[in-house]
Amino acid sequence: MDVDFKAQLLKQLGFLQRSCETYDQGHSDEAIRIAVSIRILIHDTPKSTSLLRHLNALNIQLSSTVPNVDRSKAILQSSMGRIRITSAETTWAAYTDQDAIEAQLSVSDWWNQIVFTMGAVQATRKALVLAAANKDGGAHVDSALAPEYETLMTTGERGFFLYSPTSEMHNFQPIMDAHLVYIRQMGFELLNSPELLALTAET
């Protein structure tokens, strides 16, 4: 029986949508399942073929919320995540507003774009997604994680943000679980990629 790859794409986008919604309800570890769906959509290996390759759609463009800038001399750069203030708390969260989208990139450029730099440590979407999916419980669990992934996992290692709970008081708040924030934002990027969504249209 022939596989209906368009139906499989609809299924994965549905998984991605529901995982993003579950993440936003407070279940931040759902980002690991977001990573699994992203891997299925994009990652090719000698033993497995991505869904986009099956659909002959590696020429489409994907939405990026990260400015394409020279990061070779950066000490600390990231455009994934921002401070979110509510009546209950102030947190570092994924940037999922429509005006967050900076550019449309080829699948390869999107997958390999550097989204985080801290000194000598750099991370691409590919590195973070594969670490989550292949080693941090998405599809496998490994005793060793990639250094760029561990850096973003560490509380405060990504940095701190300053906020004022009152006009008289200022607090420094460590950024926690930045790796999950980044992956959640990647889910937003894909779910807001017009050329990817167009692949599901009826012909």
C-alpha atoms as a PDB file:
ATOM      1  CA  MET A   1       0.000   0.000   0.000  1.00  0.00           C
ATOM      2  CA  ASP A   2       1.333   3.434  -0.956  1.00  0.00           C
ATOM      3  CA  VAL A   3       1.934   5.849   1.891  1.00  0.00           C
ATOM      4  CA  ASP A   4      -0.056   9.083   1.756  1.00  0.00           C
ATOM      5  CA  PHE A   5       2.690  11.518   2.693  1.00  0.00           C
ATOM      6  CA  LYS A   6       0.350  14.514   2.634  1.00  0.00           C
ATOM      7  CA  ALA A   7      -1.811  12.784   5.236  1.00  0.00           C
ATOM      8  CA  GLN A   8       1.323  12.086   7.261  1.00  0.00           C
ATOM      9  CA  LEU A   9       2.223  15.770   7.067  1.00  0.00           C
ATOM     10  CA  LEU A  10      -1.227  16.737   8.338  1.00  0.00           C
ATOM     11  CA  LYS A  11      -0.780  14.269  11.186  1.00  0.00           C
ATOM     12  CA  GLN A  12       2.610  15.676  12.205  1.00  0.00           C
ATOM     13  CA  LEU A  13       1.388  19.261  12.003  1.00  0.00           C
ATOM     14  CA  GLY A  14      -1.552  18.229  14.196  1.00  0.00           C
ATOM     15  CA  PHE A  15       0.850  16.680  16.709  1.00  0.00           C
ATOM     16  CA  LEU A  16       2.936  19.838  16.576  1.00  0.00           C
ATOM     17  CA  GLN A  17      -0.082  22.096  17.152  1.00  0.00           C
ATOM     18  CA  ARG A  18      -1.348  20.051  20.094  1.00  0.00           C
ATOM     19  CA  SER A  19       2.094  19.816  21.661  1.00  0.00           C
ATOM     20  CA  CYS A  20       2.508  23.597  21.404  1.00  0.00           C
ATOM     21  CA  GLU A  21      -0.877  24.111  23.027  1.00  0.00           C
ATOM     22  CA  THR A  22       0.008  21.667  25.820  1.00  0.00           C
ATOM     23  CA  TYR A  23       3.334  23.431  26.354  1.00  0.00           C
ATOM     24  CA  ASP A  24       1.525  26.763  26.629  1.00  0.00           C
ATOM     25  CA  GLN A  25      -0.768  25.284  29.290  1.00  0.00           C
ATOM     26  CA  GLY A  26       2.266  24.835  31.525  1.00  0.00           C
ATOM     27  CA  HIS A  27       3.671  21.455  30.494  1.00  0.00           C
ATOM     28  CA  SER A  28       7.054  22.714  29.311  1.00  0.00           C
ATOM     29  CA  ASP A  29       8.515  19.230  28.843  1.00  0.00           C
ATOM     30  CA  GLU A  30       6.102  18.823  25.911  1.00  0.00           C
ATOM     31  CA  ALA A  31       8.837  20.634  23.968  1.00  0.00           C
ATOM     32  CA  ILE A  32      10.587  17.263  23.716  1.00  0.00           C
ATOM     33  CA  ARG A  33       7.685  15.933  21.660  1.00  0.00           C
ATOM     34  CA  ILE A  34       7.728  19.098  19.572  1.00  0.00           C
ATOM     35  CA  ALA A  35      11.332  18.206  18.772  1.00  0.00           C
ATOM     36  CA  VAL A  36      10.319  14.706  17.649  1.00  0.00           C
ATOM     37  CA  SER A  37       7.788  16.099  15.164  1.00  0.00           C
ATOM     38  CA  ILE A  38      10.346  18.580  13.834  1.00  0.00           C
ATOM     39  CA  ARG A  39      12.866  15.778  13.372  1.00  0.00           C
ATOM     40  CA  ILE A  40      10.326  13.701  11.435  1.00  0.00           C
ATOM     41  CA  LEU A  41       9.534  16.654   9.189  1.00  0.00           C
ATOM     42  CA  ILE A  42      13.077  17.743   8.376  1.00  0.00           C
ATOM     43  CA  HIS A  43      15.918  15.435   9.385  1.00  0.00           C
ATOM     44  CA  ASP A  44      17.435  13.051   6.833  1.00  0.00           C
ATOM     45  CA  THR A  45      19.913  10.281   7.626  1.00  0.00           C
ATOM     46  CA  PRO A  46      21.267   7.333   5.625  1.00  0.00           C
ATOM     47  CA  LYS A  47      18.629   5.186   7.355  1.00  0.00           C
ATOM     48  CA  SER A  48      15.630   7.511   7.521  1.00  0.00           C
ATOM     49  CA  THR A  49      14.008   9.957   5.132  1.00  0.00           C
ATOM     50  CA  SER A  50      12.362  13.180   6.226  1.00  0.00           C
ATOM     51  CA  LEU A  51       8.731  13.829   5.435  1.00  0.00           C
ATOM     52  CA  LEU A  52       9.661  16.904   3.416  1.00  0.00           C
ATOM     53  CA  ARG A  53      11.986  14.823   1.262  1.00  0.00           C
ATOM     54  CA  HIS A  54       9.226  12.259   0.723  1.00  0.00           C
ATOM     55  CA  LEU A  55       7.039  15.154  -0.446  1.00  0.00           C
ATOM     56  CA  ASN A  56       9.797  16.533  -2.716  1.00  0.00           C
ATOM     57  CA  ALA A  57       9.449  19.761  -0.742  1.00  0.00           C
ATOM     58  CA  LEU A  58      12.984  20.542   0.370  1.00  0.00           C
ATOM     59  CA  ASN A  59      12.814  23.658  -1.821  1.00  0.00           C
ATOM     60  CA  ILE A  60      10.155  25.377   0.286  1.00  0.00           C
ATOM     61  CA  GLN A  61      10.907  28.199   2.713  1.00  0.00           C
ATOM     62  CA  LEU A  62      10.298  28.200   6.459  1.00  0.00           C
ATOM     63  CA  SER A  63       9.649  31.100   8.805  1.00  0.00           C
ATOM     64  CA  SER A  64      12.508  32.202  11.035  1.00  0.00           C
ATOM     65  CA  THR A  65      12.245  34.446  14.099  1.00  0.00           C
ATOM     66  CA  VAL A  66      16.029  34.787  14.271  1.00  0.00           C
ATOM     67  CA  PRO A  67      17.735  37.633  12.385  1.00  0.00           C
ATOM     68  CA  ASN A  68      20.350  36.369   9.948  1.00  0.00           C
ATOM     69  CA  VAL A  69      23.381  38.178  11.356  1.00  0.00           C
ATOM     70  CA  ASP A  70      27.090  37.442  11.636  1.00  0.00           C
ATOM     71  CA  ARG A  71      27.529  35.645  14.951  1.00  0.00           C
ATOM     72  CA  SER A  72      31.210  34.810  14.504  1.00  0.00           C
ATOM     73  CA  LYS A  73      32.331  37.517  16.968  1.00  0.00           C
ATOM     74  CA  ALA A  74      29.362  37.390  19.311  1.00  0.00           C
ATOM     75  CA  ILE A  75      29.769  36.807  23.032  1.00  0.00           C
ATOM     76  CA  LEU A  76      26.088  36.252  23.676  1.00  0.00           C
ATOM     77  CA  GLN A  77      23.390  36.405  21.034  1.00  0.00           C
ATOM     78  CA  SER A  78      19.937  34.942  20.845  1.00  0.00           C
ATOM     79  CA  SER A  79      16.619  36.025  19.414  1.00  0.00           C
ATOM     80  CA  MET A  80      14.635  33.092  20.770  1.00  0.00           C
ATOM     81  CA  GLY A  81      12.566  33.945  23.800  1.00  0.00           C
ATOM     82  CA  ARG A  82      11.636  37.152  25.550  1.00  0.00           C
ATOM     83  CA  ILE A  83      10.388  38.382  28.904  1.00  0.00           C
ATOM     84  CA  ARG A  84       6.688  37.717  29.457  1.00  0.00           C
ATOM     85  CA  ILE A  85       4.967  39.607  32.256  1.00  0.00           C
ATOM     86  CA  THR A  86       1.568  38.617  33.648  1.00  0.00           C
ATOM     87  CA  SER A  87      -0.274  39.497  36.833  1.00  0.00           C
ATOM     88  CA  ALA A  88       0.955  36.242  38.360  1.00  0.00           C
ATOM     89  CA  GLU A  89       4.582  36.009  37.271  1.00  0.00           C
ATOM     90  CA  THR A  90       7.415  37.175  35.071  1.00  0.00           C
ATOM     91  CA  THR A  91       9.125  34.512  32.964  1.00  0.00           C
ATOM     92  CA  TRP A  92      11.351  33.959  29.953  1.00  0.00           C
ATOM     93  CA  ALA A  93       9.089  32.505  27.285  1.00  0.00           C
ATOM     94  CA  ALA A  94       8.947  31.696  23.597  1.00  0.00           C
ATOM     95  CA  TYR A  95       8.315  34.658  21.309  1.00  0.00           C
ATOM     96  CA  THR A  96       5.177  33.579  19.483  1.00  0.00           C
ATOM     97  CA  ASP A  97       3.697  36.824  18.198  1.00  0.00           C
ATOM     98  CA  GLN A  98       3.243  37.221  14.443  1.00  0.00           C
ATOM     99  CA  ASP A  99       5.643  40.154  14.380  1.00  0.00           C
ATOM    100  CA  ALA A 100       8.393  37.821  15.660  1.00  0.00           C
ATOM    101  CA  ILE A 101       8.955  36.412  12.167  1.00  0.00           C
ATOM    102  CA  GLU A 102      12.094  37.943  10.670  1.00  0.00           C
ATOM    103  CA  ALA A 103      12.622  36.060   7.416  1.00  0.00           C
ATOM    104  CA  GLN A 104      11.791  33.115   5.178  1.00  0.00           C
ATOM    105  CA  LEU A 105      14.688  30.675   4.844  1.00  0.00           C
ATOM    106  CA  SER A 106      15.326  27.559   2.798  1.00  0.00           C
ATOM    107  CA  VAL A 107      14.820  24.312   4.718  1.00  0.00           C
ATOM    108  CA  SER A 108      18.581  23.769   4.917  1.00  0.00           C
ATOM    109  CA  ASP A 109      19.300  27.331   6.044  1.00  0.00           C
ATOM    110  CA  TRP A 110      16.519  27.180   8.645  1.00  0.00           C
ATOM    111  CA  TRP A 111      17.726  23.823   9.996  1.00  0.00           C
ATOM    112  CA  ASN A 112      21.350  24.927  10.222  1.00  0.00           C
ATOM    113  CA  GLN A 113      20.864  28.539  11.305  1.00  0.00           C
ATOM    114  CA  ILE A 114      22.742  29.439  14.500  1.00  0.00           C
ATOM    115  CA  VAL A 115      20.107  30.443  17.031  1.00  0.00           C
ATOM    116  CA  PHE A 116      22.307  30.786  20.111  1.00  0.00           C
ATOM    117  CA  THR A 117      25.870  31.895  20.797  1.00  0.00           C
ATOM    118  CA  MET A 118      27.640  32.059  24.139  1.00  0.00           C
ATOM    119  CA  GLY A 119      31.392  32.451  23.774  1.00  0.00           C
ATOM    120  CA  ALA A 120      32.662  29.370  21.973  1.00  0.00           C
ATOM    121  CA  VAL A 121      29.315  27.569  22.307  1.00  0.00           C
ATOM    122  CA  GLN A 122      26.961  27.841  19.354  1.00  0.00           C
ATOM    123  CA  ALA A 123      23.751  26.004  18.695  1.00  0.00           C
ATOM    124  CA  THR A 124      21.699  25.457  15.564  1.00  0.00           C
ATOM    125  CA  ARG A 125      18.090  24.364  15.417  1.00  0.00           C
ATOM    126  CA  LYS A 126      19.328  21.001  14.186  1.00  0.00           C
ATOM    127  CA  ALA A 127      21.618  20.495  17.183  1.00  0.00           C
ATOM    128  CA  LEU A 128      18.942  21.373  19.729  1.00  0.00           C
ATOM    129  CA  VAL A 129      16.168  19.353  18.093  1.00  0.00           C
ATOM    130  CA  LEU A 130      18.304  16.236  17.666  1.00  0.00           C
ATOM    131  CA  ALA A 131      19.601  16.447  21.229  1.00  0.00           C
ATOM    132  CA  ALA A 132      16.034  16.610  22.546  1.00  0.00           C
ATOM    133  CA  ALA A 133      14.633  13.939  20.232  1.00  0.00           C
ATOM    134  CA  ASN A 134      17.555  11.508  20.212  1.00  0.00           C
ATOM    135  CA  LYS A 135      19.065  11.877  23.675  1.00  0.00           C
ATOM    136  CA  ASP A 136      16.724  13.669  26.084  1.00  0.00           C
ATOM    137  CA  GLY A 137      13.725  11.377  25.993  1.00  0.00           C
ATOM    138  CA  GLY A 138      12.013  12.190  22.712  1.00  0.00           C
ATOM    139  CA  ALA A 139      12.729   8.847  21.096  1.00  0.00           C
ATOM    140  CA  HIS A 140      15.829   7.805  23.076  1.00  0.00           C
ATOM    141  CA  VAL A 141      17.547   8.589  26.368  1.00  0.00           C
ATOM    142  CA  ASP A 142      21.317   9.013  26.475  1.00  0.00           C
ATOM    143  CA  SER A 143      23.685   9.478  29.413  1.00  0.00           C
ATOM    144  CA  ALA A 144      25.593  12.226  27.557  1.00  0.00           C
ATOM    145  CA  LEU A 145      24.054  15.342  26.008  1.00  0.00           C
ATOM    146  CA  ALA A 146      25.546  17.778  23.518  1.00  0.00           C
ATOM    147  CA  PRO A 147      27.380  20.647  25.284  1.00  0.00           C
ATOM    148  CA  GLU A 148      25.304  23.366  23.592  1.00  0.00           C
ATOM    149  CA  TYR A 149      22.119  21.629  24.742  1.00  0.00           C
ATOM    150  CA  GLU A 150      23.398  21.249  28.310  1.00  0.00           C
ATOM    151  CA  THR A 151      24.346  24.928  28.368  1.00  0.00           C
ATOM    152  CA  LEU A 152      20.788  25.948  27.578  1.00  0.00           C
ATOM    153  CA  MET A 153      19.402  23.436  30.087  1.00  0.00           C
ATOM    154  CA  THR A 154      21.364  24.941  32.972  1.00  0.00           C
ATOM    155  CA  THR A 155      19.439  27.435  35.095  1.00  0.00           C
ATOM    156  CA  GLY A 156      20.923  30.890  34.650  1.00  0.00           C
ATOM    157  CA  GLU A 157      23.557  29.806  32.138  1.00  0.00           C
ATOM    158  CA  ARG A 158      21.625  31.440  29.310  1.00  0.00           C
ATOM    159  CA  GLY A 159      21.581  34.563  31.439  1.00  0.00           C
ATOM    160  CA  PHE A 160      19.301  36.625  33.659  1.00  0.00           C
ATOM    161  CA  PHE A 161      16.664  39.214  33.037  1.00  0.00           C
ATOM    162  CA  LEU A 162      15.814  42.235  35.150  1.00  0.00           C
ATOM    163  CA  TYR A 163      12.232  42.952  36.044  1.00  0.00           C
ATOM    164  CA  SER A 164      10.399  45.205  38.476  1.00  0.00           C
ATOM    165  CA  PRO A 165       7.561  43.589  40.422  1.00  0.00           C
ATOM    166  CA  THR A 166       6.950  47.033  41.932  1.00  0.00           C
ATOM    167  CA  SER A 167       8.212  50.466  41.065  1.00  0.00           C
ATOM    168  CA  GLU A 168      10.462  50.373  44.129  1.00  0.00           C
ATOM    169  CA  MET A 169      11.930  46.888  43.736  1.00  0.00           C
ATOM    170  CA  HIS A 170      14.054  45.285  41.000  1.00  0.00           C
ATOM    171  CA  ASN A 171      14.879  41.597  40.727  1.00  0.00           C
ATOM    172  CA  PHE A 172      17.259  39.554  38.631  1.00  0.00           C
ATOM    173  CA  GLN A 173      15.562  36.362  37.471  1.00  0.00           C
ATOM    174  CA  PRO A 174      17.596  33.453  36.013  1.00  0.00           C
ATOM    175  CA  ILE A 175      16.474  32.091  32.663  1.00  0.00           C
ATOM    176  CA  MET A 176      15.420  28.480  33.161  1.00  0.00           C
ATOM    177  CA  ASP A 177      14.956  25.631  30.673  1.00  0.00           C
ATOM    178  CA  ALA A 178      15.986  27.807  27.738  1.00  0.00           C
ATOM    179  CA  HIS A 179      16.378  24.692  25.562  1.00  0.00           C
ATOM    180  CA  LEU A 180      12.641  24.029  25.887  1.00  0.00           C
ATOM    181  CA  VAL A 181      11.778  27.662  25.137  1.00  0.00           C
ATOM    182  CA  TYR A 182      13.846  27.502  21.962  1.00  0.00           C
ATOM    183  CA  ILE A 183      12.150  24.323  20.765  1.00  0.00           C
ATOM    184  CA  ARG A 184       8.690  25.729  21.511  1.00  0.00           C
ATOM    185  CA  GLN A 185       9.550  28.752  19.401  1.00  0.00           C
ATOM    186  CA  MET A 186      10.657  26.471  16.548  1.00  0.00           C
ATOM    187  CA  GLY A 187       7.207  24.892  16.692  1.00  0.00           C
ATOM    188  CA  PHE A 188       5.704  28.366  16.294  1.00  0.00           C
ATOM    189  CA  GLU A 189       7.956  29.058  13.321  1.00  0.00           C
ATOM    190  CA  LEU A 190       6.861  25.912  11.489  1.00  0.00           C
ATOM    191  CA  LEU A 191       3.177  26.383  12.255  1.00  0.00           C
ATOM    192  CA  ASN A 192       3.506  29.876  10.772  1.00  0.00           C
ATOM    193  CA  SER A 193       5.383  28.881   7.616  1.00  0.00           C
ATOM    194  CA  PRO A 194       3.000  29.530   4.684  1.00  0.00           C
ATOM    195  CA  GLU A 195       4.825  27.312   2.203  1.00  0.00           C
ATOM    196  CA  LEU A 196       4.849  24.382   4.629  1.00  0.00           C
ATOM    197  CA  LEU A 197       1.151  24.752   5.368  1.00  0.00           C
ATOM    198  CA  ALA A 198       0.414  25.026   1.652  1.00  0.00           C
ATOM    199  CA  LEU A 199       1.667  21.458   1.186  1.00  0.00           C
ATOM    200  CA  THR A 200      -1.444  20.228   2.990  1.00  0.00           C
ATOM    201  CA  ALA A 201      -3.840  21.917   0.564  1.00  0.00           C
ATOM    202  CA  GLU A 202      -6.056  19.820  -1.637  1.00  0.00           C
ATOM    203  CA  THR A 203      -4.921  19.597  -5.268  1.00  0.00           C
END
